[in-house]
């Protein structure tokens, strides 16, 4: 497995844990074990503020959702509310996550 894929898998696991295993859009349970990435219930990483609208790939702008939910949402941001993140999504450009096992213990700016 390439370094990129390992990093993507780790990011997915962190987001999964942060959301307690539930889709951020529909609220239904997610399964990490779904091996077919094209299955409608497969886990997909969603950008809260879409990349097409200036969103970043940093964890504060990502969440895990079902693939079907991500496709249905597209780049619609009507579900985004100011309380979704403690910081402005585009202001955090150079943060470093400090990990302890699978837990995020701090964000260093």
PDB file of N, CA and C in Angstrom:
ATOM      1  N   UNK A   1       0.842  -1.176   0.000  1.00  0.00           N
ATOM      2  CA  UNK A   1       0.000   0.000   0.000  1.00  0.00           C
ATOM      3  C   UNK A   1       0.891   1.245   0.000  1.00  0.00           C
ATOM      4  N   UNK A   2       0.543   2.219  -0.841  1.00  0.00           N
ATOM      5  CA  UNK A   2       1.350   3.428  -0.961  1.00  0.00           C
ATOM      6  C   UNK A   2       1.176   4.329   0.264  1.00  0.00           C
ATOM      7  N   UNK A   3       2.106   5.252   0.428  1.00  0.00           N
ATOM      8  CA  UNK A   3       2.045   6.192   1.542  1.00  0.00           C
ATOM      9  C   UNK A   3       0.786   7.049   1.483  1.00  0.00           C
ATOM     10  N   UNK A   4       0.373   7.426   0.263  1.00  0.00           N
ATOM     11  CA  UNK A   4      -0.840   8.219   0.085  1.00  0.00           C
ATOM     12  C   UNK A   4      -2.063   7.460   0.589  1.00  0.00           C
ATOM     13  N   UNK A   5      -2.148   6.183   0.239  1.00  0.00           N
ATOM     14  CA  UNK A   5      -3.301   5.375   0.651  1.00  0.00           C
ATOM     15  C   UNK A   5      -3.318   5.155   2.162  1.00  0.00           C
ATOM     16  N   UNK A   6      -2.132   4.961   2.766  1.00  0.00           N
ATOM     17  CA  UNK A   6      -2.062   4.804   4.221  1.00  0.00           C
ATOM     18  C   UNK A   6      -2.544   6.070   4.917  1.00  0.00           C
ATOM     19  N   UNK A   7      -2.129   7.224   4.402  1.00  0.00           N
ATOM     20  CA  UNK A   7      -2.525   8.505   4.986  1.00  0.00           C
ATOM     21  C   UNK A   7      -4.038   8.703   4.843  1.00  0.00           C
ATOM     22  N   UNK A   8      -4.584   8.334   3.688  1.00  0.00           N
ATOM     23  CA  UNK A   8      -6.020   8.461   3.455  1.00  0.00           C
ATOM     24  C   UNK A   8      -6.802   7.538   4.389  1.00  0.00           C
ATOM     25  N   UNK A   9      -6.317   6.315   4.563  1.00  0.00           N
ATOM     26  CA  UNK A   9      -6.974   5.361   5.463  1.00  0.00           C
ATOM     27  C   UNK A   9      -6.949   5.880   6.902  1.00  0.00           C
ATOM     28  N   UNK A  10      -5.804   6.412   7.335  1.00  0.00           N
ATOM     29  CA  UNK A  10      -5.667   6.950   8.693  1.00  0.00           C
ATOM     30  C   UNK A  10      -6.638   8.119   8.902  1.00  0.00           C
ATOM     31  N   UNK A  11      -6.717   9.003   7.904  1.00  0.00           N
ATOM     32  CA  UNK A  11      -7.617  10.147   7.978  1.00  0.00           C
ATOM     33  C   UNK A  11      -9.063   9.668   8.098  1.00  0.00           C
ATOM     34  N   UNK A  12      -9.428   8.657   7.308  1.00  0.00           N
ATOM     35  CA  UNK A  12     -10.780   8.099   7.347  1.00  0.00           C
ATOM     36  C   UNK A  12     -11.090   7.513   8.730  1.00  0.00           C
ATOM     37  N   UNK A  13     -10.110   6.815   9.326  1.00  0.00           N
ATOM     38  CA  UNK A  13     -10.302   6.219  10.656  1.00  0.00           C
ATOM     39  C   UNK A  13     -10.468   7.297  11.730  1.00  0.00           C
ATOM     40  N   UNK A  14      -9.696   8.379  11.639  1.00  0.00           N
ATOM     41  CA  UNK A  14      -9.803   9.476  12.596  1.00  0.00           C
ATOM     42  C   UNK A  14     -11.182  10.131  12.491  1.00  0.00           C
ATOM     43  N   UNK A  15     -11.627  10.389  11.270  1.00  0.00           N
ATOM     44  CA  UNK A  15     -12.935  10.999  11.064  1.00  0.00           C
ATOM     45  C   UNK A  15     -14.052  10.072  11.538  1.00  0.00           C
ATOM     46  N   UNK A  16     -13.904   8.778  11.252  1.00  0.00           N
ATOM     47  CA  UNK A  16     -14.883   7.773  11.674  1.00  0.00           C
ATOM     48  C   UNK A  16     -15.023   7.793  13.192  1.00  0.00           C
ATOM     49  N   UNK A  17     -13.890   7.833  13.882  1.00  0.00           N
ATOM     50  CA  UNK A  17     -13.901   7.849  15.345  1.00  0.00           C
ATOM     51  C   UNK A  17     -14.503   9.149  15.869  1.00  0.00           C
ATOM     52  N   UNK A  18     -14.137  10.263  15.263  1.00  0.00           N
ATOM     53  CA  UNK A  18     -14.645  11.571  15.693  1.00  0.00           C
ATOM     54  C   UNK A  18     -16.174  11.618  15.597  1.00  0.00           C
ATOM     55  N   UNK A  19     -16.728  10.962  14.580  1.00  0.00           N
ATOM     56  CA  UNK A  19     -18.182  10.959  14.357  1.00  0.00           C
ATOM     57  C   UNK A  19     -18.877   9.754  14.973  1.00  0.00           C
ATOM     58  N   UNK A  20     -18.132   8.994  15.751  1.00  0.00           N
ATOM     59  CA  UNK A  20     -18.692   7.822  16.432  1.00  0.00           C
ATOM     60  C   UNK A  20     -19.365   6.852  15.467  1.00  0.00           C
ATOM     61  N   UNK A  21     -18.782   6.738  14.247  1.00  0.00           N
ATOM     62  CA  UNK A  21     -19.249   5.746  13.288  1.00  0.00           C
ATOM     63  C   UNK A  21     -20.553   6.053  12.588  1.00  0.00           C
ATOM     64  N   UNK A  22     -20.934   7.323  12.541  1.00  0.00           N
ATOM     65  CA  UNK A  22     -22.195   7.685  11.891  1.00  0.00           C
ATOM     66  C   UNK A  22     -21.973   8.685  10.753  1.00  0.00           C
ATOM     67  N   UNK A  23     -22.787   8.550   9.721  1.00  0.00           N
ATOM     68  CA  UNK A  23     -22.734   9.451   8.570  1.00  0.00           C
ATOM     69  C   UNK A  23     -23.106  10.862   9.024  1.00  0.00           C
ATOM     70  N   UNK A  24     -22.300  11.838   8.631  1.00  0.00           N
ATOM     71  CA  UNK A  24     -22.536  13.221   9.029  1.00  0.00           C
ATOM     72  C   UNK A  24     -23.734  13.833   8.314  1.00  0.00           C
ATOM     73  N   UNK A  25     -24.225  13.196   7.265  1.00  0.00           N
ATOM     74  CA  UNK A  25     -25.364  13.737   6.530  1.00  0.00           C
ATOM     75  C   UNK A  25     -26.673  13.084   6.956  1.00  0.00           C
ATOM     76  N   UNK A  26     -26.756  11.760   6.879  1.00  0.00           N
ATOM     77  CA  UNK A  26     -28.030  11.083   7.195  1.00  0.00           C
ATOM     78  C   UNK A  26     -28.098  10.565   8.625  1.00  0.00           C
ATOM     79  N   UNK A  27     -26.947  10.432   9.294  1.00  0.00           N
ATOM     80  CA  UNK A  27     -26.916   9.975  10.679  1.00  0.00           C
ATOM     81  C   UNK A  27     -26.908   8.467  10.855  1.00  0.00           C
ATOM     82  N   UNK A  28     -27.052   7.717   9.759  1.00  0.00           N
ATOM     83  CA  UNK A  28     -27.042   6.255   9.852  1.00  0.00           C
ATOM     84  C   UNK A  28     -25.628   5.740  10.120  1.00  0.00           C
ATOM     85  N   UNK A  29     -25.547   4.517  10.593  1.00  0.00           N
ATOM     86  CA  UNK A  29     -24.262   3.894  10.916  1.00  0.00           C
ATOM     87  C   UNK A  29     -23.419   3.675   9.660  1.00  0.00           C
ATOM     88  N   UNK A  30     -22.119   3.909   9.801  1.00  0.00           N
ATOM     89  CA  UNK A  30     -21.140   3.637   8.747  1.00  0.00           C
ATOM     90  C   UNK A  30     -20.399   2.361   9.097  1.00  0.00           C
ATOM     91  N   UNK A  31     -19.879   1.680   8.093  1.00  0.00           N
ATOM     92  CA  UNK A  31     -19.084   0.480   8.319  1.00  0.00           C
ATOM     93  C   UNK A  31     -17.722   0.665   7.659  1.00  0.00           C
ATOM     94  N   UNK A  32     -16.659   0.599   8.476  1.00  0.00           N
ATOM     95  CA  UNK A  32     -15.304   0.713   7.943  1.00  0.00           C
ATOM     96  C   UNK A  32     -14.937  -0.463   7.052  1.00  0.00           C
ATOM     97  N   UNK A  33     -15.585  -1.584   7.245  1.00  0.00           N
ATOM     98  CA  UNK A  33     -15.191  -2.814   6.564  1.00  0.00           C
ATOM     99  C   UNK A  33     -15.724  -2.954   5.138  1.00  0.00           C
ATOM    100  N   UNK A  34     -16.556  -2.035   4.672  1.00  0.00           N
ATOM    101  CA  UNK A  34     -17.096  -2.157   3.321  1.00  0.00           C
ATOM    102  C   UNK A  34     -15.958  -2.015   2.317  1.00  0.00           C
ATOM    103  N   UNK A  35     -15.601  -3.119   1.656  1.00  0.00           N
ATOM    104  CA  UNK A  35     -14.414  -3.139   0.801  1.00  0.00           C
ATOM    105  C   UNK A  35     -14.673  -2.638  -0.618  1.00  0.00           C
ATOM    106  N   UNK A  36     -15.909  -2.492  -1.027  1.00  0.00           N
ATOM    107  CA  UNK A  36     -16.211  -2.008  -2.372  1.00  0.00           C
ATOM    108  C   UNK A  36     -16.447  -0.502  -2.322  1.00  0.00           C
ATOM    109  N   UNK A  37     -15.481   0.306  -2.798  1.00  0.00           N
ATOM    110  CA  UNK A  37     -15.616   1.759  -2.697  1.00  0.00           C
ATOM    111  C   UNK A  37     -16.748   2.330  -3.551  1.00  0.00           C
ATOM    112  N   UNK A  38     -17.288   1.549  -4.480  1.00  0.00           N
ATOM    113  CA  UNK A  38     -18.375   2.034  -5.323  1.00  0.00           C
ATOM    114  C   UNK A  38     -19.754   1.686  -4.780  1.00  0.00           C
ATOM    115  N   UNK A  39     -19.808   0.914  -3.698  1.00  0.00           N
ATOM    116  CA  UNK A  39     -21.089   0.555  -3.081  1.00  0.00           C
ATOM    117  C   UNK A  39     -21.725   1.824  -2.519  1.00  0.00           C
ATOM    118  N   UNK A  40     -23.048   2.000  -2.654  1.00  0.00           N
ATOM    119  CA  UNK A  40     -23.706   3.219  -2.151  1.00  0.00           C
ATOM    120  C   UNK A  40     -23.489   3.481  -0.657  1.00  0.00           C
ATOM    121  N   UNK A  41     -23.302   2.405   0.129  1.00  0.00           N
ATOM    122  CA  UNK A  41     -23.086   2.590   1.563  1.00  0.00           C
ATOM    123  C   UNK A  41     -21.612   2.635   1.955  1.00  0.00           C
ATOM    124  N   UNK A  42     -20.722   2.650   0.983  1.00  0.00           N
ATOM    125  CA  UNK A  42     -19.295   2.740   1.281  1.00  0.00           C
ATOM    126  C   UNK A  42     -18.995   4.091   1.934  1.00  0.00           C
ATOM    127  N   UNK A  43     -17.948   4.128   2.739  1.00  0.00           N
ATOM    128  CA  UNK A  43     -17.539   5.387   3.375  1.00  0.00           C
ATOM    129  C   UNK A  43     -16.864   6.281   2.341  1.00  0.00           C
ATOM    130  N   UNK A  44     -17.256   7.526   2.372  1.00  0.00           N
ATOM    131  CA  UNK A  44     -16.683   8.538   1.491  1.00  0.00           C
ATOM    132  C   UNK A  44     -16.254   9.706   2.363  1.00  0.00           C
ATOM    133  N   UNK A  45     -15.135  10.321   2.028  1.00  0.00           N
ATOM    134  CA  UNK A  45     -14.703  11.527   2.746  1.00  0.00           C
ATOM    135  C   UNK A  45     -15.324  12.725   2.045  1.00  0.00           C
ATOM    136  N   UNK A  46     -16.077  13.507   2.813  1.00  0.00           N
ATOM    137  CA  UNK A  46     -16.790  14.667   2.287  1.00  0.00           C
ATOM    138  C   UNK A  46     -16.109  15.943   2.765  1.00  0.00           C
ATOM    139  N   UNK A  47     -15.987  16.912   1.883  1.00  0.00           N
ATOM    140  CA  UNK A  47     -15.481  18.235   2.251  1.00  0.00           C
ATOM    141  C   UNK A  47     -16.676  19.069   2.706  1.00  0.00           C
ATOM    142  N   UNK A  48     -16.653  19.556   3.941  1.00  0.00           N
ATOM    143  CA  UNK A  48     -17.756  20.365   4.463  1.00  0.00           C
ATOM    144  C   UNK A  48     -17.927  21.593   3.576  1.00  0.00           C
ATOM    145  N   UNK A  49     -16.849  22.335   3.395  1.00  0.00           N
ATOM    146  CA  UNK A  49     -16.812  23.386   2.372  1.00  0.00           C
ATOM    147  C   UNK A  49     -16.138  22.734   1.162  1.00  0.00           C
ATOM    148  N   UNK A  50     -16.879  22.511   0.073  1.00  0.00           N
ATOM    149  CA  UNK A  50     -16.316  21.787  -1.074  1.00  0.00           C
ATOM    150  C   UNK A  50     -15.051  22.444  -1.626  1.00  0.00           C
ATOM    151  N   UNK A  51     -14.174  21.612  -2.169  1.00  0.00           N
ATOM    152  CA  UNK A  51     -12.937  22.120  -2.787  1.00  0.00           C
ATOM    153  C   UNK A  51     -13.277  23.144  -3.866  1.00  0.00           C
ATOM    154  N   UNK A  52     -14.362  22.916  -4.597  1.00  0.00           N
ATOM    155  CA  UNK A  52     -14.752  23.829  -5.679  1.00  0.00           C
ATOM    156  C   UNK A  52     -15.135  25.210  -5.156  1.00  0.00           C
ATOM    157  N   UNK A  53     -15.400  25.314  -3.851  1.00  0.00           N
ATOM    158  CA  UNK A  53     -15.751  26.599  -3.243  1.00  0.00           C
ATOM    159  C   UNK A  53     -14.655  27.102  -2.306  1.00  0.00           C
ATOM    160  N   UNK A  54     -13.453  26.537  -2.436  1.00  0.00           N
ATOM    161  CA  UNK A  54     -12.308  27.007  -1.655  1.00  0.00           C
ATOM    162  C   UNK A  54     -12.010  26.212  -0.400  1.00  0.00           C
ATOM    163  N   UNK A  55     -12.706  25.106  -0.160  1.00  0.00           N
ATOM    164  CA  UNK A  55     -12.462  24.278   1.023  1.00  0.00           C
ATOM    165  C   UNK A  55     -11.123  23.568   0.959  1.00  0.00           C
ATOM    166  N   UNK A  56     -10.601  23.225   2.117  1.00  0.00           N
ATOM    167  CA  UNK A  56      -9.281  22.587   2.202  1.00  0.00           C
ATOM    168  C   UNK A  56      -9.414  21.083   2.421  1.00  0.00           C
ATOM    169  N   UNK A  57      -8.272  20.398   2.411  1.00  0.00           N
ATOM    170  CA  UNK A  57      -8.207  18.966   2.711  1.00  0.00           C
ATOM    171  C   UNK A  57      -7.816  18.711   4.167  1.00  0.00           C
ATOM    172  N   UNK A  58      -7.793  19.753   5.004  1.00  0.00           N
ATOM    173  CA  UNK A  58      -7.462  19.579   6.408  1.00  0.00           C
ATOM    174  C   UNK A  58      -8.637  18.942   7.148  1.00  0.00           C
ATOM    175  N   UNK A  59      -8.341  18.226   8.227  1.00  0.00           N
ATOM    176  CA  UNK A  59      -9.362  17.472   8.956  1.00  0.00           C
ATOM    177  C   UNK A  59     -10.534  18.323   9.425  1.00  0.00           C
ATOM    178  N   UNK A  60     -10.309  19.571   9.750  1.00  0.00           N
ATOM    179  CA  UNK A  60     -11.406  20.411  10.228  1.00  0.00           C
ATOM    180  C   UNK A  60     -12.472  20.622   9.150  1.00  0.00           C
ATOM    181  N   UNK A  61     -12.127  20.387   7.885  1.00  0.00           N
ATOM    182  CA  UNK A  61     -13.067  20.567   6.779  1.00  0.00           C
ATOM    183  C   UNK A  61     -13.546  19.234   6.210  1.00  0.00           C
ATOM    184  N   UNK A  62     -13.229  18.145   6.864  1.00  0.00           N
ATOM    185  CA  UNK A  62     -13.606  16.828   6.352  1.00  0.00           C
ATOM    186  C   UNK A  62     -14.533  16.109   7.311  1.00  0.00           C
ATOM    187  N   UNK A  63     -15.333  15.227   6.752  1.00  0.00           N
ATOM    188  CA  UNK A  63     -16.209  14.357   7.532  1.00  0.00           C
ATOM    189  C   UNK A  63     -16.456  13.100   6.710  1.00  0.00           C
ATOM    190  N   UNK A  64     -16.839  12.018   7.371  1.00  0.00           N
ATOM    191  CA  UNK A  64     -17.145  10.792   6.637  1.00  0.00           C
ATOM    192  C   UNK A  64     -18.654  10.661   6.487  1.00  0.00           C
ATOM    193  N   UNK A  65     -19.031  10.205   5.311  1.00  0.00           N
ATOM    194  CA  UNK A  65     -20.438  10.044   4.955  1.00  0.00           C
ATOM    195  C   UNK A  65     -20.572   8.806   4.076  1.00  0.00           C
ATOM    196  N   UNK A  66     -21.791   8.379   3.861  1.00  0.00           N
ATOM    197  CA  UNK A  66     -22.025   7.328   2.868  1.00  0.00           C
ATOM    198  C   UNK A  66     -21.744   7.913   1.482  1.00  0.00           C
ATOM    199  N   UNK A  67     -21.268   7.076   0.588  1.00  0.00           N
ATOM    200  CA  UNK A  67     -21.005   7.520  -0.784  1.00  0.00           C
ATOM    201  C   UNK A  67     -22.273   8.103  -1.397  1.00  0.00           C
ATOM    202  N   UNK A  68     -23.420   7.434  -1.169  1.00  0.00           N
ATOM    203  CA  UNK A  68     -24.696   7.898  -1.731  1.00  0.00           C
ATOM    204  C   UNK A  68     -25.057   9.292  -1.211  1.00  0.00           C
ATOM    205  N   UNK A  69     -24.771   9.560   0.066  1.00  0.00           N
ATOM    206  CA  UNK A  69     -25.066  10.866   0.650  1.00  0.00           C
ATOM    207  C   UNK A  69     -24.160  11.940   0.059  1.00  0.00           C
ATOM    208  N   UNK A  70     -22.886  11.597  -0.148  1.00  0.00           N
ATOM    209  CA  UNK A  70     -21.924  12.543  -0.711  1.00  0.00           C
ATOM    210  C   UNK A  70     -22.307  12.898  -2.149  1.00  0.00           C
ATOM    211  N   UNK A  71     -22.700  11.897  -2.926  1.00  0.00           N
ATOM    212  CA  UNK A  71     -23.102  12.139  -4.314  1.00  0.00           C
ATOM    213  C   UNK A  71     -24.348  13.017  -4.353  1.00  0.00           C
ATOM    214  N   UNK A  72     -25.316  12.718  -3.487  1.00  0.00           N
ATOM    215  CA  UNK A  72     -26.559  13.499  -3.460  1.00  0.00           C
ATOM    216  C   UNK A  72     -26.298  14.947  -3.049  1.00  0.00           C
ATOM    217  N   UNK A  73     -25.334  15.160  -2.145  1.00  0.00           N
ATOM    218  CA  UNK A  73     -25.039  16.512  -1.663  1.00  0.00           C
ATOM    219  C   UNK A  73     -24.343  17.350  -2.722  1.00  0.00           C
ATOM    220  N   UNK A  74     -23.442  16.745  -3.488  1.00  0.00           N
ATOM    221  CA  UNK A  74     -22.684  17.510  -4.477  1.00  0.00           C
ATOM    222  C   UNK A  74     -21.894  18.616  -3.808  1.00  0.00           C
ATOM    223  N   UNK A  75     -21.978  19.838  -4.342  1.00  0.00           N
ATOM    224  CA  UNK A  75     -21.264  20.952  -3.702  1.00  0.00           C
ATOM    225  C   UNK A  75     -22.229  21.925  -3.022  1.00  0.00           C
ATOM    226  N   UNK A  76     -23.388  21.411  -2.631  1.00  0.00           N
ATOM    227  CA  UNK A  76     -24.388  22.187  -1.899  1.00  0.00           C
ATOM    228  C   UNK A  76     -23.892  22.442  -0.471  1.00  0.00           C
ATOM    229  N   UNK A  77     -23.936  23.676  -0.031  1.00  0.00           N
ATOM    230  CA  UNK A  77     -23.483  23.983   1.331  1.00  0.00           C
ATOM    231  C   UNK A  77     -24.625  24.474   2.214  1.00  0.00           C
ATOM    232  N   UNK A  78     -25.859  24.199   1.829  1.00  0.00           N
ATOM    233  CA  UNK A  78     -26.996  24.660   2.626  1.00  0.00           C
ATOM    234  C   UNK A  78     -27.048  23.998   4.003  1.00  0.00           C
ATOM    235  N   UNK A  79     -26.348  22.837   4.161  1.00  0.00           N
ATOM    236  CA  UNK A  79     -26.329  22.159   5.460  1.00  0.00           C
ATOM    237  C   UNK A  79     -25.203  22.643   6.364  1.00  0.00           C
ATOM    238  N   UNK A  80     -24.376  23.567   5.900  1.00  0.00           N
ATOM    239  CA  UNK A  80     -23.238  24.062   6.676  1.00  0.00           C
ATOM    240  C   UNK A  80     -23.714  25.183   7.592  1.00  0.00           C
ATOM    241  N   UNK A  81     -23.382  25.063   8.874  1.00  0.00           N
ATOM    242  CA  UNK A  81     -23.748  26.085   9.851  1.00  0.00           C
ATOM    243  C   UNK A  81     -22.489  26.599  10.537  1.00  0.00           C
ATOM    244  N   UNK A  82     -22.513  27.817  11.046  1.00  0.00           N
ATOM    245  CA  UNK A  82     -21.316  28.387  11.680  1.00  0.00           C
ATOM    246  C   UNK A  82     -20.775  27.577  12.855  1.00  0.00           C
ATOM    247  N   UNK A  83     -21.616  26.806  13.531  1.00  0.00           N
ATOM    248  CA  UNK A  83     -21.157  26.059  14.701  1.00  0.00           C
ATOM    249  C   UNK A  83     -20.516  24.716  14.357  1.00  0.00           C
ATOM    250  N   UNK A  84     -20.336  24.400  13.066  1.00  0.00           N
ATOM    251  CA  UNK A  84     -19.750  23.120  12.680  1.00  0.00           C
ATOM    252  C   UNK A  84     -18.270  23.046  12.998  1.00  0.00           C
ATOM    253  N   UNK A  85     -17.599  24.175  13.088  1.00  0.00           N
ATOM    254  CA  UNK A  85     -16.175  24.208  13.378  1.00  0.00           C
ATOM    255  C   UNK A  85     -15.883  25.414  14.255  1.00  0.00           C
ATOM    256  N   UNK A  86     -14.966  25.262  15.218  1.00  0.00           N
ATOM    257  CA  UNK A  86     -14.659  26.393  16.090  1.00  0.00           C
ATOM    258  C   UNK A  86     -13.861  27.486  15.396  1.00  0.00           C
ATOM    259  N   UNK A  87     -13.335  27.218  14.222  1.00  0.00           N
ATOM    260  CA  UNK A  87     -12.523  28.192  13.484  1.00  0.00           C
ATOM    261  C   UNK A  87     -13.106  28.372  12.085  1.00  0.00           C
ATOM    262  N   UNK A  88     -12.760  29.475  11.457  1.00  0.00           N
ATOM    263  CA  UNK A  88     -13.131  29.664  10.071  1.00  0.00           C
ATOM    264  C   UNK A  88     -12.404  28.612   9.238  1.00  0.00           C
ATOM    265  N   UNK A  89     -13.122  27.901   8.388  1.00  0.00           N
ATOM    266  CA  UNK A  89     -12.534  26.801   7.621  1.00  0.00           C
ATOM    267  C   UNK A  89     -11.306  27.205   6.813  1.00  0.00           C
ATOM    268  N   UNK A  90     -11.304  28.390   6.247  1.00  0.00           N
ATOM    269  CA  UNK A  90     -10.202  28.780   5.378  1.00  0.00           C
ATOM    270  C   UNK A  90      -9.046  29.451   6.111  1.00  0.00           C
ATOM    271  N   UNK A  91      -9.182  29.726   7.407  1.00  0.00           N
ATOM    272  CA  UNK A  91      -8.099  30.363   8.149  1.00  0.00           C
ATOM    273  C   UNK A  91      -7.049  29.363   8.615  1.00  0.00           C
ATOM    274  N   UNK A  92      -7.444  28.115   8.837  1.00  0.00           N
ATOM    275  CA  UNK A  92      -6.496  27.119   9.328  1.00  0.00           C
ATOM    276  C   UNK A  92      -5.821  26.468   8.125  1.00  0.00           C
ATOM    277  N   UNK A  93      -4.668  26.957   7.778  1.00  0.00           N
ATOM    278  CA  UNK A  93      -3.955  26.436   6.618  1.00  0.00           C
ATOM    279  C   UNK A  93      -2.731  25.624   7.009  1.00  0.00           C
ATOM    280  N   UNK A  94      -2.188  25.870   8.178  1.00  0.00           N
ATOM    281  CA  UNK A  94      -0.927  25.230   8.545  1.00  0.00           C
ATOM    282  C   UNK A  94      -1.002  24.585   9.924  1.00  0.00           C
ATOM    283  N   UNK A  95      -2.071  23.839  10.180  1.00  0.00           N
ATOM    284  CA  UNK A  95      -2.158  23.187  11.479  1.00  0.00           C
ATOM    285  C   UNK A  95      -1.555  21.792  11.419  1.00  0.00           C
ATOM    286  N   UNK A  96      -1.090  21.320  12.538  1.00  0.00           N
ATOM    287  CA  UNK A  96      -0.486  19.997  12.643  1.00  0.00           C
ATOM    288  C   UNK A  96      -1.236  19.226  13.717  1.00  0.00           C
ATOM    289  N   UNK A  97      -1.724  18.051  13.354  1.00  0.00           N
ATOM    290  CA  UNK A  97      -2.431  17.239  14.333  1.00  0.00           C
ATOM    291  C   UNK A  97      -1.433  16.467  15.167  1.00  0.00           C
ATOM    292  N   UNK A  98      -1.658  16.439  16.443  1.00  0.00           N
ATOM    293  CA  UNK A  98      -0.824  15.658  17.351  1.00  0.00           C
ATOM    294  C   UNK A  98      -1.648  14.445  17.735  1.00  0.00           C
ATOM    295  N   UNK A  99      -1.207  13.271  17.318  1.00  0.00           N
ATOM    296  CA  UNK A  99      -1.972  12.053  17.508  1.00  0.00           C
ATOM    297  C   UNK A  99      -1.408  11.220  18.643  1.00  0.00           C
ATOM    298  N   UNK A 100      -2.293  10.596  19.373  1.00  0.00           N
ATOM    299  CA  UNK A 100      -1.921   9.621  20.386  1.00  0.00           C
ATOM    300  C   UNK A 100      -2.722   8.371  20.079  1.00  0.00           C
ATOM    301  N   UNK A 101      -2.097   7.405  19.430  1.00  0.00           N
ATOM    302  CA  UNK A 101      -2.832   6.238  18.970  1.00  0.00           C
ATOM    303  C   UNK A 101      -3.816   6.673  17.903  1.00  0.00           C
ATOM    304  N   UNK A 102      -5.085   6.429  18.104  1.00  0.00           N
ATOM    305  CA  UNK A 102      -6.121   6.836  17.156  1.00  0.00           C
ATOM    306  C   UNK A 102      -6.792   8.140  17.570  1.00  0.00           C
ATOM    307  N   UNK A 103      -6.445   8.688  18.720  1.00  0.00           N
ATOM    308  CA  UNK A 103      -7.105   9.883  19.234  1.00  0.00           C
ATOM    309  C   UNK A 103      -6.378  11.150  18.822  1.00  0.00           C
ATOM    310  N   UNK A 104      -7.135  12.188  18.452  1.00  0.00           N
ATOM    311  CA  UNK A 104      -6.551  13.508  18.238  1.00  0.00           C
ATOM    312  C   UNK A 104      -6.468  14.153  19.616  1.00  0.00           C
ATOM    313  N   UNK A 105      -5.259  14.503  20.052  1.00  0.00           N
ATOM    314  CA  UNK A 105      -5.115  15.083  21.391  1.00  0.00           C
ATOM    315  C   UNK A 105      -4.918  16.601  21.348  1.00  0.00           C
ATOM    316  N   UNK A 106      -4.487  17.130  20.209  1.00  0.00           N
ATOM    317  CA  UNK A 106      -4.296  18.566  20.120  1.00  0.00           C
ATOM    318  C   UNK A 106      -4.117  18.974  18.668  1.00  0.00           C
ATOM    319  N   UNK A 107      -4.393  20.227  18.402  1.00  0.00           N
ATOM    320  CA  UNK A 107      -4.092  20.821  17.098  1.00  0.00           C
ATOM    321  C   UNK A 107      -3.109  21.952  17.351  1.00  0.00           C
ATOM    322  N   UNK A 108      -1.954  21.861  16.727  1.00  0.00           N
ATOM    323  CA  UNK A 108      -0.909  22.859  16.908  1.00  0.00           C
ATOM    324  C   UNK A 108      -0.911  23.789  15.705  1.00  0.00           C
ATOM    325  N   UNK A 109      -0.948  25.090  15.964  1.00  0.00           N
ATOM    326  CA  UNK A 109      -0.942  26.081  14.875  1.00  0.00           C
ATOM    327  C   UNK A 109       0.430  26.663  14.710  1.00  0.00           C
TER     328      UNK A 109
END
